[in-house]
């Protein structure tokens, strides 16, 4: 399968949401609109990483895992990404799960920290790593 179109679209979406989070991080106070946008952008970045992982594992003929965190761990075990470690991506997946499934109990301070320290950029680096593996 040719993954060029998939990776191009995925990379574009990652760039869009990284830029949105950058703009949000520059605001001194965040209202409901900015908070909701930040949560959605973090969710999309994490889902991009999950999707890219599953495609990369399949292409590289690694065993299919039932959950995203183990899929990421497996891929990084066989094909390390120097800029990102498995725990960071697993943490992002956990945050995505909280955003999607447990939104009433979100720890906004944790999300704010991810945004202000720009930790979300690691998801973009990981997606780029997966796309490199898919294009080879």
C-alpha atoms as a PDB file:
ATOM      1  CA  UNK A   1       0.000   0.000   0.000  1.00  0.00           C
ATOM      2  CA  UNK A   2       1.182   3.509  -0.776  1.00  0.00           C
ATOM      3  CA  UNK A   3       0.986   5.612   2.395  1.00  0.00           C
ATOM      4  CA  UNK A   4       1.982   8.925   0.799  1.00  0.00           C
ATOM      5  CA  UNK A   5      -1.526  10.412   0.708  1.00  0.00           C
ATOM      6  CA  UNK A   6      -2.293   9.175   4.220  1.00  0.00           C
ATOM      7  CA  UNK A   7       0.923  10.624   5.636  1.00  0.00           C
ATOM      8  CA  UNK A   8       0.490  13.903   3.776  1.00  0.00           C
ATOM      9  CA  UNK A   9      -3.028  14.360   5.176  1.00  0.00           C
ATOM     10  CA  UNK A  10      -1.968  13.283   8.654  1.00  0.00           C
ATOM     11  CA  UNK A  11       1.019  15.630   8.656  1.00  0.00           C
ATOM     12  CA  UNK A  12      -1.192  18.510   7.558  1.00  0.00           C
ATOM     13  CA  UNK A  13      -3.688  17.869  10.375  1.00  0.00           C
ATOM     14  CA  UNK A  14      -0.882  17.606  12.932  1.00  0.00           C
ATOM     15  CA  UNK A  15       0.496  20.971  11.770  1.00  0.00           C
ATOM     16  CA  UNK A  16      -2.931  22.611  11.999  1.00  0.00           C
ATOM     17  CA  UNK A  17      -3.517  21.427  15.563  1.00  0.00           C
ATOM     18  CA  UNK A  18       0.018  22.208  16.708  1.00  0.00           C
ATOM     19  CA  UNK A  19      -0.476  25.766  15.449  1.00  0.00           C
ATOM     20  CA  UNK A  20      -3.844  26.051  17.223  1.00  0.00           C
ATOM     21  CA  UNK A  21      -2.276  24.900  20.483  1.00  0.00           C
ATOM     22  CA  UNK A  22       0.590  27.347  20.008  1.00  0.00           C
ATOM     23  CA  UNK A  23      -1.901  30.198  19.606  1.00  0.00           C
ATOM     24  CA  UNK A  24      -3.878  29.040  22.634  1.00  0.00           C
ATOM     25  CA  UNK A  25      -0.709  28.834  24.734  1.00  0.00           C
ATOM     26  CA  UNK A  26      -0.023  32.514  24.076  1.00  0.00           C
ATOM     27  CA  UNK A  27      -3.257  33.672  25.694  1.00  0.00           C
ATOM     28  CA  UNK A  28      -3.073  34.836  29.292  1.00  0.00           C
ATOM     29  CA  UNK A  29      -6.532  33.537  30.204  1.00  0.00           C
ATOM     30  CA  UNK A  30      -8.508  30.802  28.555  1.00  0.00           C
ATOM     31  CA  UNK A  31     -12.252  30.820  28.261  1.00  0.00           C
ATOM     32  CA  UNK A  32     -14.497  27.878  27.512  1.00  0.00           C
ATOM     33  CA  UNK A  33     -13.945  28.220  23.769  1.00  0.00           C
ATOM     34  CA  UNK A  34     -10.128  28.048  24.049  1.00  0.00           C
ATOM     35  CA  UNK A  35     -10.261  25.223  26.577  1.00  0.00           C
ATOM     36  CA  UNK A  36     -12.581  23.197  24.379  1.00  0.00           C
ATOM     37  CA  UNK A  37     -10.407  23.868  21.320  1.00  0.00           C
ATOM     38  CA  UNK A  38      -7.292  22.825  23.248  1.00  0.00           C
ATOM     39  CA  UNK A  39      -8.885  19.573  24.394  1.00  0.00           C
ATOM     40  CA  UNK A  40     -10.051  18.765  20.872  1.00  0.00           C
ATOM     41  CA  UNK A  41      -6.639  19.521  19.364  1.00  0.00           C
ATOM     42  CA  UNK A  42      -4.897  17.317  21.939  1.00  0.00           C
ATOM     43  CA  UNK A  43      -7.404  14.568  21.203  1.00  0.00           C
ATOM     44  CA  UNK A  44      -6.787  14.806  17.458  1.00  0.00           C
ATOM     45  CA  UNK A  45      -3.005  14.755  17.902  1.00  0.00           C
ATOM     46  CA  UNK A  46      -3.219  11.659  20.095  1.00  0.00           C
ATOM     47  CA  UNK A  47      -5.567   9.949  17.654  1.00  0.00           C
ATOM     48  CA  UNK A  48      -3.193  10.756  14.799  1.00  0.00           C
ATOM     49  CA  UNK A  49      -0.415   9.037  16.750  1.00  0.00           C
ATOM     50  CA  UNK A  50      -2.629   6.012  17.435  1.00  0.00           C
ATOM     51  CA  UNK A  51      -3.662   5.674  13.797  1.00  0.00           C
ATOM     52  CA  UNK A  52      -0.121   6.100  12.497  1.00  0.00           C
ATOM     53  CA  UNK A  53       1.101   3.487  14.975  1.00  0.00           C
ATOM     54  CA  UNK A  54      -1.440   0.909  13.865  1.00  0.00           C
ATOM     55  CA  UNK A  55      -0.613   1.452  10.194  1.00  0.00           C
ATOM     56  CA  UNK A  56       3.141   1.287  10.864  1.00  0.00           C
ATOM     57  CA  UNK A  57       2.829  -1.905  12.919  1.00  0.00           C
ATOM     58  CA  UNK A  58       0.762  -3.506  10.163  1.00  0.00           C
ATOM     59  CA  UNK A  59       3.168  -2.441   7.409  1.00  0.00           C
ATOM     60  CA  UNK A  60       6.162  -3.637   9.406  1.00  0.00           C
ATOM     61  CA  UNK A  61       4.388  -6.953  10.104  1.00  0.00           C
ATOM     62  CA  UNK A  62       4.482  -6.568  13.865  1.00  0.00           C
ATOM     63  CA  UNK A  63       1.787  -8.377  15.863  1.00  0.00           C
ATOM     64  CA  UNK A  64      -1.504  -6.515  16.153  1.00  0.00           C
ATOM     65  CA  UNK A  65      -2.126  -5.267  19.694  1.00  0.00           C
ATOM     66  CA  UNK A  66      -5.564  -4.748  21.180  1.00  0.00           C
ATOM     67  CA  UNK A  67      -4.799  -1.394  22.780  1.00  0.00           C
ATOM     68  CA  UNK A  68      -3.079   1.734  21.590  1.00  0.00           C
ATOM     69  CA  UNK A  69      -0.548   1.987  24.424  1.00  0.00           C
ATOM     70  CA  UNK A  70       0.851  -1.484  23.741  1.00  0.00           C
ATOM     71  CA  UNK A  71       0.896  -0.797  19.992  1.00  0.00           C
ATOM     72  CA  UNK A  72       3.036   2.292  20.598  1.00  0.00           C
ATOM     73  CA  UNK A  73       5.348   0.443  22.994  1.00  0.00           C
ATOM     74  CA  UNK A  74       5.827  -2.357  20.477  1.00  0.00           C
ATOM     75  CA  UNK A  75       6.612  -0.005  17.592  1.00  0.00           C
ATOM     76  CA  UNK A  76       9.099   2.023  19.627  1.00  0.00           C
ATOM     77  CA  UNK A  77      10.748  -1.130  20.933  1.00  0.00           C
ATOM     78  CA  UNK A  78      11.504  -2.260  17.374  1.00  0.00           C
ATOM     79  CA  UNK A  79      11.889   1.178  15.771  1.00  0.00           C
ATOM     80  CA  UNK A  80      12.960   3.741  18.393  1.00  0.00           C
ATOM     81  CA  UNK A  81      12.296   7.428  17.892  1.00  0.00           C
ATOM     82  CA  UNK A  82      15.194   9.416  19.386  1.00  0.00           C
ATOM     83  CA  UNK A  83      13.014  12.418  20.292  1.00  0.00           C
ATOM     84  CA  UNK A  84      10.143  10.544  21.950  1.00  0.00           C
ATOM     85  CA  UNK A  85       9.838   7.710  24.414  1.00  0.00           C
ATOM     86  CA  UNK A  86       7.043   5.237  24.882  1.00  0.00           C
ATOM     87  CA  UNK A  87       5.918   6.665  28.237  1.00  0.00           C
ATOM     88  CA  UNK A  88       5.355  10.109  26.740  1.00  0.00           C
ATOM     89  CA  UNK A  89       3.089   8.742  24.020  1.00  0.00           C
ATOM     90  CA  UNK A  90       1.332   6.457  26.477  1.00  0.00           C
ATOM     91  CA  UNK A  91       0.670   9.498  28.674  1.00  0.00           C
ATOM     92  CA  UNK A  92      -0.804  11.341  25.697  1.00  0.00           C
ATOM     93  CA  UNK A  93      -3.041   8.370  24.950  1.00  0.00           C
ATOM     94  CA  UNK A  94      -4.180   8.390  28.574  1.00  0.00           C
ATOM     95  CA  UNK A  95      -4.967  12.096  28.307  1.00  0.00           C
ATOM     96  CA  UNK A  96      -6.905  11.455  25.104  1.00  0.00           C
ATOM     97  CA  UNK A  97      -8.912   8.747  26.878  1.00  0.00           C
ATOM     98  CA  UNK A  98      -9.706  11.140  29.719  1.00  0.00           C
ATOM     99  CA  UNK A  99     -10.776  13.844  27.267  1.00  0.00           C
ATOM    100  CA  UNK A 100     -13.048  11.449  25.388  1.00  0.00           C
ATOM    101  CA  UNK A 101     -14.406   9.268  28.187  1.00  0.00           C
ATOM    102  CA  UNK A 102     -13.987  11.130  31.457  1.00  0.00           C
ATOM    103  CA  UNK A 103     -14.403  14.761  30.461  1.00  0.00           C
ATOM    104  CA  UNK A 104     -16.199  15.687  33.671  1.00  0.00           C
ATOM    105  CA  UNK A 105     -13.107  14.795  35.692  1.00  0.00           C
ATOM    106  CA  UNK A 106     -10.393  16.335  33.510  1.00  0.00           C
ATOM    107  CA  UNK A 107      -7.396  17.770  35.277  1.00  0.00           C
ATOM    108  CA  UNK A 108      -7.206  21.121  33.497  1.00  0.00           C
ATOM    109  CA  UNK A 109      -3.914  22.002  35.220  1.00  0.00           C
ATOM    110  CA  UNK A 110      -2.314  18.963  33.600  1.00  0.00           C
ATOM    111  CA  UNK A 111      -3.670  19.948  30.189  1.00  0.00           C
ATOM    112  CA  UNK A 112      -2.507  23.531  30.713  1.00  0.00           C
ATOM    113  CA  UNK A 113       0.969  22.249  31.568  1.00  0.00           C
ATOM    114  CA  UNK A 114       1.102  20.142  28.399  1.00  0.00           C
ATOM    115  CA  UNK A 115       0.138  23.206  26.371  1.00  0.00           C
ATOM    116  CA  UNK A 116       2.408  25.734  28.099  1.00  0.00           C
ATOM    117  CA  UNK A 117       5.467  23.453  27.972  1.00  0.00           C
ATOM    118  CA  UNK A 118       4.613  22.445  24.394  1.00  0.00           C
ATOM    119  CA  UNK A 119       4.804  18.758  25.217  1.00  0.00           C
ATOM    120  CA  UNK A 120       2.148  18.153  22.544  1.00  0.00           C
ATOM    121  CA  UNK A 121       4.907  18.643  19.944  1.00  0.00           C
ATOM    122  CA  UNK A 122       6.187  15.176  20.849  1.00  0.00           C
ATOM    123  CA  UNK A 123       3.041  13.719  19.301  1.00  0.00           C
ATOM    124  CA  UNK A 124       3.883  15.483  16.042  1.00  0.00           C
ATOM    125  CA  UNK A 125       7.426  14.144  16.152  1.00  0.00           C
ATOM    126  CA  UNK A 126       6.103  10.658  16.779  1.00  0.00           C
ATOM    127  CA  UNK A 127       3.638  10.907  13.875  1.00  0.00           C
ATOM    128  CA  UNK A 128       6.506  12.076  11.639  1.00  0.00           C
ATOM    129  CA  UNK A 129       8.518   9.045  12.792  1.00  0.00           C
ATOM    130  CA  UNK A 130       5.625   6.717  11.928  1.00  0.00           C
ATOM    131  CA  UNK A 131       5.193   8.372   8.532  1.00  0.00           C
ATOM    132  CA  UNK A 132       8.891   7.929   7.798  1.00  0.00           C
ATOM    133  CA  UNK A 133       8.501   4.222   8.539  1.00  0.00           C
ATOM    134  CA  UNK A 134       5.387   4.056   6.362  1.00  0.00           C
ATOM    135  CA  UNK A 135       7.054   5.779   3.404  1.00  0.00           C
ATOM    136  CA  UNK A 136      10.156   3.560   3.407  1.00  0.00           C
END
